[in-house]
Amino acid sequence: MTNEMELLITKGATDREIADILGISINTVKSRRRRRKQKYSDGKNYCLYCGKEFQRNNRGMKRGFCSYHCRVSYWNKQKMEQEYELICENCGKTFISKGNPNKRYCSRKCYCQKVKKYEE
């Protein structure tokens, strides 16, 4: 890990801030932070969403997040970034849907055309 990233982590910078400052992907920052956590197993835990250090109890599963808000935000963000390649039921065109694998139409126009056909 670079010395710059190490310095930013010790200053308490979030993953997004580190990515913007160093000009690298936020996923790169997160994976390097995980490797750092494994390398420096000093008992400190870092939130996977915000990057803050947090304390955890010694019972149960290891937590990866400092709070409920960070856990929910992380998983919602992961879900919304997932891309699905689908086919429109009206025009047959292939389109990309982010976060929704059940989308049926490529646009509002296609949806309205399909509904109109059923009403006639």
N, C-alpha and C. Protein backbone atom coordinates (compact mmCIF):
# COMPACT_ATOMS: atom_id res chain seq x y z
N MET A 1 0.84 -1.17 0.00
CA MET A 1 0.00 0.00 0.00
C MET A 1 0.89 1.24 0.00
N THR A 2 0.42 2.23 -0.69
CA THR A 2 1.24 3.43 -0.78
C THR A 2 1.26 4.19 0.54
N ASN A 3 2.32 4.93 0.72
CA ASN A 3 2.46 5.72 1.94
C ASN A 3 1.39 6.81 2.03
N GLU A 4 1.00 7.36 0.85
CA GLU A 4 -0.03 8.40 0.85
C GLU A 4 -1.35 7.86 1.38
N MET A 5 -1.73 6.66 0.92
CA MET A 5 -2.97 6.07 1.38
C MET A 5 -2.91 5.75 2.87
N GLU A 6 -1.79 5.25 3.30
CA GLU A 6 -1.60 4.93 4.72
C GLU A 6 -1.78 6.19 5.56
N LEU A 7 -1.21 7.28 5.12
CA LEU A 7 -1.31 8.54 5.84
C LEU A 7 -2.76 9.03 5.89
N LEU A 8 -3.46 8.94 4.76
CA LEU A 8 -4.87 9.37 4.72
C LEU A 8 -5.74 8.50 5.61
N ILE A 9 -5.47 7.20 5.65
CA ILE A 9 -6.25 6.30 6.50
C ILE A 9 -6.04 6.65 7.96
N THR A 10 -4.79 6.91 8.35
CA THR A 10 -4.52 7.23 9.75
C THR A 10 -5.12 8.58 10.15
N LYS A 11 -5.29 9.48 9.16
CA LYS A 11 -5.93 10.77 9.45
C LYS A 11 -7.45 10.64 9.54
N GLY A 12 -7.99 9.46 9.13
CA GLY A 12 -9.43 9.23 9.25
C GLY A 12 -10.22 9.57 8.01
N ALA A 13 -9.56 9.66 6.87
CA ALA A 13 -10.27 9.98 5.62
C ALA A 13 -11.15 8.80 5.20
N THR A 14 -12.29 9.11 4.59
CA THR A 14 -13.18 8.06 4.11
C THR A 14 -12.65 7.49 2.80
N ASP A 15 -13.21 6.36 2.39
CA ASP A 15 -12.78 5.72 1.14
C ASP A 15 -12.99 6.64 -0.05
N ARG A 16 -14.13 7.34 -0.09
CA ARG A 16 -14.44 8.26 -1.20
C ARG A 16 -13.42 9.38 -1.25
N GLU A 17 -13.07 9.95 -0.11
CA GLU A 17 -12.09 11.04 -0.06
C GLU A 17 -10.72 10.56 -0.55
N ILE A 18 -10.32 9.38 -0.11
CA ILE A 18 -9.02 8.83 -0.53
C ILE A 18 -9.00 8.59 -2.03
N ALA A 19 -10.10 8.04 -2.57
CA ALA A 19 -10.19 7.77 -4.00
C ALA A 19 -10.09 9.06 -4.81
N ASP A 20 -10.78 10.11 -4.34
CA ASP A 20 -10.75 11.39 -5.05
C ASP A 20 -9.36 12.03 -4.99
N ILE A 21 -8.73 11.99 -3.82
CA ILE A 21 -7.41 12.61 -3.66
C ILE A 21 -6.35 11.90 -4.50
N LEU A 22 -6.36 10.56 -4.47
CA LEU A 22 -5.34 9.79 -5.19
C LEU A 22 -5.69 9.52 -6.64
N GLY A 23 -6.95 9.79 -7.03
CA GLY A 23 -7.37 9.57 -8.41
C GLY A 23 -7.48 8.11 -8.79
N ILE A 24 -7.93 7.27 -7.84
CA ILE A 24 -8.11 5.85 -8.12
C ILE A 24 -9.54 5.47 -7.79
N SER A 25 -9.93 4.27 -8.17
CA SER A 25 -11.28 3.78 -7.94
C SER A 25 -11.53 3.57 -6.45
N ILE A 26 -12.77 3.81 -6.03
CA ILE A 26 -13.13 3.58 -4.63
C ILE A 26 -13.03 2.10 -4.28
N ASN A 27 -13.28 1.22 -5.27
CA ASN A 27 -13.16 -0.22 -5.01
C ASN A 27 -11.71 -0.62 -4.76
N THR A 28 -10.78 0.05 -5.43
CA THR A 28 -9.37 -0.19 -5.19
C THR A 28 -9.00 0.19 -3.76
N VAL A 29 -9.53 1.33 -3.32
CA VAL A 29 -9.27 1.79 -1.96
C VAL A 29 -9.82 0.78 -0.95
N LYS A 30 -11.05 0.30 -1.19
CA LYS A 30 -11.67 -0.65 -0.27
C LYS A 30 -10.90 -1.96 -0.20
N SER A 31 -10.45 -2.46 -1.36
CA SER A 31 -9.72 -3.73 -1.34
C SER A 31 -8.36 -3.56 -0.66
N ARG A 32 -7.70 -2.43 -0.89
CA ARG A 32 -6.42 -2.18 -0.22
C ARG A 32 -6.61 -2.03 1.29
N ARG A 33 -7.73 -1.40 1.67
CA ARG A 33 -8.01 -1.24 3.10
C ARG A 33 -8.24 -2.60 3.75
N ARG A 34 -8.95 -3.50 3.04
CA ARG A 34 -9.18 -4.84 3.57
C ARG A 34 -7.86 -5.58 3.73
N ARG A 35 -6.98 -5.47 2.72
CA ARG A 35 -5.66 -6.12 2.81
C ARG A 35 -4.86 -5.52 3.96
N ARG A 36 -4.97 -4.21 4.14
CA ARG A 36 -4.26 -3.54 5.23
C ARG A 36 -4.78 -4.08 6.56
N LYS A 37 -6.09 -4.25 6.66
CA LYS A 37 -6.68 -4.76 7.89
C LYS A 37 -6.15 -6.15 8.21
N GLN A 38 -6.01 -6.98 7.17
CA GLN A 38 -5.47 -8.32 7.38
C GLN A 38 -4.00 -8.26 7.76
N LYS A 39 -3.27 -7.35 7.09
CA LYS A 39 -1.83 -7.23 7.33
C LYS A 39 -1.55 -6.69 8.73
N TYR A 40 -2.28 -5.66 9.11
CA TYR A 40 -2.10 -5.05 10.43
C TYR A 40 -3.21 -5.53 11.35
N SER A 41 -3.18 -6.77 11.71
CA SER A 41 -4.25 -7.31 12.57
C SER A 41 -4.00 -6.87 14.02
N ASP A 42 -4.23 -5.61 14.25
CA ASP A 42 -4.01 -5.04 15.58
C ASP A 42 -5.30 -4.96 16.37
N GLY A 43 -6.33 -5.67 15.91
CA GLY A 43 -7.61 -5.66 16.62
C GLY A 43 -8.52 -4.52 16.22
N LYS A 44 -8.07 -3.64 15.33
CA LYS A 44 -8.90 -2.53 14.90
C LYS A 44 -9.79 -2.99 13.75
N ASN A 45 -11.00 -2.46 13.74
CA ASN A 45 -11.95 -2.78 12.69
C ASN A 45 -12.32 -1.50 11.95
N TYR A 46 -12.42 -1.58 10.64
CA TYR A 46 -12.76 -0.43 9.82
C TYR A 46 -14.05 -0.71 9.07
N CYS A 47 -14.95 0.25 9.09
CA CYS A 47 -16.24 0.12 8.42
C CYS A 47 -16.03 0.01 6.91
N LEU A 48 -16.71 -0.94 6.28
CA LEU A 48 -16.58 -1.13 4.83
C LEU A 48 -17.25 -0.01 4.04
N TYR A 49 -18.17 0.73 4.66
CA TYR A 49 -18.87 1.80 3.95
C TYR A 49 -18.19 3.15 4.14
N CYS A 50 -18.00 3.55 5.39
CA CYS A 50 -17.46 4.90 5.64
C CYS A 50 -15.97 4.89 5.95
N GLY A 51 -15.40 3.74 6.31
CA GLY A 51 -13.97 3.64 6.58
C GLY A 51 -13.55 4.02 7.99
N LYS A 52 -14.50 4.38 8.83
CA LYS A 52 -14.16 4.77 10.20
C LYS A 52 -13.80 3.54 11.03
N GLU A 53 -12.95 3.76 12.00
CA GLU A 53 -12.58 2.69 12.92
C GLU A 53 -13.69 2.53 13.95
N PHE A 54 -14.00 1.28 14.32
CA PHE A 54 -15.01 1.04 15.33
C PHE A 54 -14.63 -0.14 16.20
N GLN A 55 -15.22 -0.18 17.38
CA GLN A 55 -14.97 -1.26 18.33
C GLN A 55 -16.02 -2.34 18.12
N ARG A 56 -15.65 -3.57 18.31
CA ARG A 56 -16.63 -4.65 18.23
C ARG A 56 -16.46 -5.54 19.45
N ASN A 57 -17.57 -6.17 19.84
CA ASN A 57 -17.46 -7.09 20.97
C ASN A 57 -16.87 -8.41 20.48
N ASN A 58 -16.44 -9.24 21.38
CA ASN A 58 -15.78 -10.50 21.01
C ASN A 58 -16.75 -11.66 20.84
N ARG A 59 -18.04 -11.36 20.86
CA ARG A 59 -19.03 -12.42 20.70
C ARG A 59 -19.60 -12.39 19.28
N GLY A 60 -20.03 -13.54 18.80
CA GLY A 60 -20.73 -13.61 17.53
C GLY A 60 -19.84 -13.38 16.32
N MET A 61 -20.50 -13.09 15.20
CA MET A 61 -19.79 -12.89 13.94
C MET A 61 -19.06 -11.56 13.93
N LYS A 62 -18.02 -11.49 13.13
CA LYS A 62 -17.30 -10.22 12.98
C LYS A 62 -18.17 -9.27 12.17
N ARG A 63 -18.28 -8.06 12.67
CA ARG A 63 -19.05 -7.05 11.96
C ARG A 63 -18.14 -6.33 10.98
N GLY A 64 -18.68 -5.92 9.87
CA GLY A 64 -17.91 -5.17 8.90
C GLY A 64 -18.31 -3.71 8.85
N PHE A 65 -19.29 -3.32 9.66
CA PHE A 65 -19.82 -1.97 9.59
C PHE A 65 -19.93 -1.37 10.98
N CYS A 66 -19.78 -0.06 11.06
CA CYS A 66 -19.81 0.61 12.35
C CYS A 66 -21.22 0.86 12.85
N SER A 67 -22.21 0.85 11.94
CA SER A 67 -23.58 1.13 12.36
C SER A 67 -24.57 0.47 11.40
N TYR A 68 -25.81 0.46 11.84
CA TYR A 68 -26.90 -0.07 11.01
C TYR A 68 -27.01 0.75 9.72
N HIS A 69 -26.92 2.07 9.85
CA HIS A 69 -27.02 2.95 8.69
C HIS A 69 -25.95 2.62 7.63
N CYS A 70 -24.72 2.42 8.06
CA CYS A 70 -23.64 2.10 7.12
C CYS A 70 -23.88 0.74 6.46
N ARG A 71 -24.36 -0.23 7.22
CA ARG A 71 -24.60 -1.56 6.66
C ARG A 71 -25.69 -1.51 5.59
N VAL A 72 -26.80 -0.85 5.89
CA VAL A 72 -27.90 -0.76 4.93
C VAL A 72 -27.49 0.06 3.71
N SER A 73 -26.79 1.15 3.93
CA SER A 73 -26.35 2.00 2.82
C SER A 73 -25.40 1.25 1.89
N TYR A 74 -24.48 0.47 2.48
CA TYR A 74 -23.53 -0.30 1.69
C TYR A 74 -24.25 -1.30 0.78
N TRP A 75 -25.18 -2.07 1.35
CA TRP A 75 -25.86 -3.10 0.56
C TRP A 75 -26.82 -2.49 -0.44
N ASN A 76 -27.47 -1.38 -0.11
CA ASN A 76 -28.33 -0.71 -1.09
C ASN A 76 -27.51 -0.18 -2.26
N LYS A 77 -26.34 0.37 -1.95
CA LYS A 77 -25.48 0.88 -3.01
C LYS A 77 -25.01 -0.26 -3.92
N GLN A 78 -24.63 -1.39 -3.32
CA GLN A 78 -24.21 -2.55 -4.11
C GLN A 78 -25.33 -3.01 -5.03
N LYS A 79 -26.54 -3.04 -4.50
CA LYS A 79 -27.69 -3.49 -5.27
C LYS A 79 -27.97 -2.53 -6.43
N MET A 80 -27.89 -1.23 -6.17
CA MET A 80 -28.21 -0.24 -7.20
C MET A 80 -27.13 -0.14 -8.29
N GLU A 81 -25.92 -0.57 -7.99
CA GLU A 81 -24.86 -0.52 -8.99
C GLU A 81 -24.86 -1.73 -9.92
N GLN A 82 -25.58 -2.79 -9.55
CA GLN A 82 -25.64 -3.99 -10.38
C GLN A 82 -26.40 -3.68 -11.66
N GLU A 83 -25.85 -4.09 -12.80
CA GLU A 83 -26.49 -3.86 -14.08
C GLU A 83 -27.06 -5.16 -14.64
N TYR A 84 -28.26 -5.06 -15.20
CA TYR A 84 -28.91 -6.21 -15.81
C TYR A 84 -29.21 -5.89 -17.27
N GLU A 85 -28.90 -6.81 -18.16
CA GLU A 85 -29.21 -6.64 -19.57
C GLU A 85 -30.52 -7.36 -19.84
N LEU A 86 -31.54 -6.58 -20.25
CA LEU A 86 -32.88 -7.11 -20.42
C LEU A 86 -33.40 -6.80 -21.82
N ILE A 87 -34.52 -7.43 -22.19
CA ILE A 87 -35.16 -7.21 -23.48
C ILE A 87 -36.54 -6.61 -23.24
N CYS A 88 -36.84 -5.51 -23.94
CA CYS A 88 -38.11 -4.82 -23.80
C CYS A 88 -39.24 -5.70 -24.35
N GLU A 89 -40.33 -5.81 -23.58
CA GLU A 89 -41.46 -6.64 -24.00
C GLU A 89 -42.25 -6.01 -25.13
N ASN A 90 -42.09 -4.71 -25.35
CA ASN A 90 -42.86 -4.03 -26.40
C ASN A 90 -42.10 -3.99 -27.72
N CYS A 91 -40.89 -3.44 -27.70
CA CYS A 91 -40.15 -3.23 -28.95
C CYS A 91 -39.09 -4.30 -29.21
N GLY A 92 -38.75 -5.08 -28.22
CA GLY A 92 -37.75 -6.14 -28.38
C GLY A 92 -36.31 -5.67 -28.33
N LYS A 93 -36.12 -4.40 -28.02
CA LYS A 93 -34.78 -3.83 -27.96
C LYS A 93 -34.09 -4.23 -26.65
N THR A 94 -32.79 -4.46 -26.69
CA THR A 94 -32.02 -4.77 -25.50
C THR A 94 -31.70 -3.46 -24.77
N PHE A 95 -31.86 -3.47 -23.44
CA PHE A 95 -31.55 -2.28 -22.64
C PHE A 95 -30.92 -2.69 -21.32
N ILE A 96 -30.27 -1.74 -20.68
CA ILE A 96 -29.60 -1.97 -19.40
C ILE A 96 -30.46 -1.39 -18.28
N SER A 97 -30.69 -2.19 -17.25
CA SER A 97 -31.42 -1.74 -16.08
C SER A 97 -30.48 -1.81 -14.88
N LYS A 98 -30.36 -0.70 -14.15
CA LYS A 98 -29.50 -0.68 -12.97
C LYS A 98 -30.33 -0.95 -11.73
N GLY A 99 -29.99 -2.03 -11.03
CA GLY A 99 -30.62 -2.32 -9.75
C GLY A 99 -31.97 -3.00 -9.80
N ASN A 100 -32.53 -3.23 -10.98
CA ASN A 100 -33.86 -3.85 -11.06
C ASN A 100 -33.87 -4.94 -12.13
N PRO A 101 -33.81 -6.21 -11.74
CA PRO A 101 -33.81 -7.29 -12.72
C PRO A 101 -35.20 -7.60 -13.27
N ASN A 102 -36.24 -6.97 -12.71
CA ASN A 102 -37.62 -7.26 -13.11
C ASN A 102 -38.22 -6.22 -14.04
N LYS A 103 -37.44 -5.27 -14.49
CA LYS A 103 -37.93 -4.22 -15.38
C LYS A 103 -38.35 -4.85 -16.70
N ARG A 104 -39.49 -4.43 -17.24
CA ARG A 104 -40.02 -5.07 -18.43
C ARG A 104 -39.96 -4.22 -19.69
N TYR A 105 -39.86 -2.90 -19.54
CA TYR A 105 -39.89 -2.00 -20.69
C TYR A 105 -38.67 -1.08 -20.68
N CYS A 106 -38.22 -0.71 -21.88
CA CYS A 106 -37.03 0.13 -21.97
C CYS A 106 -37.33 1.60 -21.69
N SER A 107 -38.59 2.01 -21.84
CA SER A 107 -38.94 3.41 -21.62
C SER A 107 -40.40 3.54 -21.23
N ARG A 108 -40.77 4.70 -20.81
CA ARG A 108 -42.17 5.00 -20.48
C ARG A 108 -43.04 4.90 -21.73
N LYS A 109 -42.48 5.31 -22.84
CA LYS A 109 -43.21 5.27 -24.12
C LYS A 109 -43.60 3.82 -24.47
N CYS A 110 -42.67 2.89 -24.34
CA CYS A 110 -42.96 1.48 -24.63
C CYS A 110 -44.00 0.93 -23.66
N TYR A 111 -43.90 1.32 -22.41
CA TYR A 111 -44.89 0.87 -21.43
C TYR A 111 -46.29 1.33 -21.83
N CYS A 112 -46.41 2.61 -22.18
CA CYS A 112 -47.72 3.16 -22.55
C CYS A 112 -48.27 2.50 -23.81
N GLN A 113 -47.42 2.24 -24.78
CA GLN A 113 -47.84 1.56 -26.01
C GLN A 113 -48.37 0.16 -25.69
N LYS A 114 -47.70 -0.58 -24.85
CA LYS A 114 -48.09 -1.93 -24.48
C LYS A 114 -49.43 -1.93 -23.73
N VAL A 115 -49.60 -1.01 -22.81
CA VAL A 115 -50.84 -0.91 -22.04
C VAL A 115 -52.00 -0.54 -22.95
N LYS A 116 -51.76 0.35 -23.90
CA LYS A 116 -52.79 0.77 -24.84
C LYS A 116 -53.26 -0.40 -25.68
N LYS A 117 -52.35 -1.29 -26.09
CA LYS A 117 -52.71 -2.46 -26.88
C LYS A 117 -53.66 -3.37 -26.10
N TYR A 118 -53.43 -3.52 -24.79
CA TYR A 118 -54.28 -4.36 -23.97
C TYR A 118 -55.65 -3.76 -23.76
N GLU A 119 -55.74 -2.43 -23.73
CA GLU A 119 -57.02 -1.77 -23.48
C GLU A 119 -57.94 -1.83 -24.68
N GLU A 120 -57.41 -1.93 -25.88
CA GLU A 120 -58.22 -1.94 -27.10
C GLU A 120 -58.95 -3.22 -27.32
